Protein backbone atom coordinates (compact mmCIF):
# COMPACT_ATOMS: atom_id res chain seq x y z
CA UNK A 1 84.57 99.33 64.43
CA UNK A 2 88.35 99.62 64.18
CA UNK A 3 88.28 102.30 66.76
CA UNK A 4 86.34 99.95 69.08
CA UNK A 5 88.95 97.11 68.59
CA UNK A 6 91.71 99.46 69.38
CA UNK A 7 90.16 100.79 72.61
CA UNK A 8 89.18 97.09 73.63
CA UNK A 9 92.87 95.96 72.92
CA UNK A 10 94.09 98.81 74.94
CA UNK A 11 91.79 98.11 77.97
CA UNK A 12 92.72 94.41 77.91
CA UNK A 13 96.60 95.24 77.91
CA UNK A 14 96.05 97.69 80.71
CA UNK A 15 94.21 95.38 82.81
CA UNK A 16 96.72 92.65 82.33
CA UNK A 17 99.54 94.95 83.11
CA UNK A 18 97.86 95.99 86.20
CA UNK A 19 97.79 92.52 87.46
CA UNK A 20 101.61 92.43 87.35
CA UNK A 21 101.93 95.32 90.00
CA UNK A 22 103.86 94.71 93.05
CA UNK A 23 103.07 95.94 96.60
CA UNK A 24 106.45 97.05 97.20
CA UNK A 25 107.00 94.76 100.17
CA UNK A 26 110.29 93.13 101.08
CA UNK A 27 111.46 89.62 100.12
CA UNK A 28 110.33 88.48 103.39
CA UNK A 29 106.75 89.87 103.33
CA UNK A 30 104.14 87.21 103.95
CA UNK A 31 106.61 84.42 105.15
CA UNK A 32 106.99 83.21 108.60
CA UNK A 33 109.15 80.30 109.89
CA UNK A 34 107.42 77.14 110.42
CA UNK A 35 107.80 75.95 113.95
CA UNK A 36 105.82 72.66 114.81
CA UNK A 37 105.29 71.28 118.13
CA UNK A 38 107.10 68.04 119.20
CA UNK A 39 103.82 66.18 118.72
CA UNK A 40 103.31 67.62 115.26
CA UNK A 41 107.18 66.59 114.54
CA UNK A 42 106.75 62.93 115.71
CA UNK A 43 103.87 62.64 113.14
CA UNK A 44 105.36 64.16 110.35
CA UNK A 45 106.77 62.24 107.20
CA UNK A 46 110.39 62.59 106.58
CA UNK A 47 109.57 64.52 103.34
CA UNK A 48 107.58 67.07 105.42
CA UNK A 49 110.50 67.53 107.87
CA UNK A 50 112.67 68.18 104.97
CA UNK A 51 110.58 70.71 103.47
CA UNK A 52 110.09 72.56 106.91
CA UNK A 53 113.94 72.56 107.33
CA UNK A 54 114.37 73.82 103.62
CA UNK A 55 111.71 76.56 104.40
CA UNK A 56 113.27 77.69 107.51
CA UNK A 57 116.83 77.78 106.25
CA UNK A 58 115.70 79.80 103.23
CA UNK A 59 114.37 82.52 105.67
CA UNK A 60 117.26 82.55 107.88
CA UNK A 61 119.92 82.84 105.11
CA UNK A 62 118.03 85.88 103.67
CA UNK A 63 117.61 87.57 107.19
CA UNK A 64 113.88 87.16 107.34
CA UNK A 65 114.01 85.54 110.76
CA UNK A 66 116.32 84.12 113.32
CA UNK A 67 116.50 80.35 114.19
């Protein structure tokens, strides 16, 4: 029974570590600038506009995209 517990523990640890693997992509992988239309901007709340500017500034500072 002790052998089963050791194997079960090993398999559990291995599966948890496999979930932490990275794809090797860049910092910018999976991110794009948010470019709302004028109509969308006119209906956005101030907080949403602030979040869009923060997101886009983050990407620009890191060279992920240009303004």
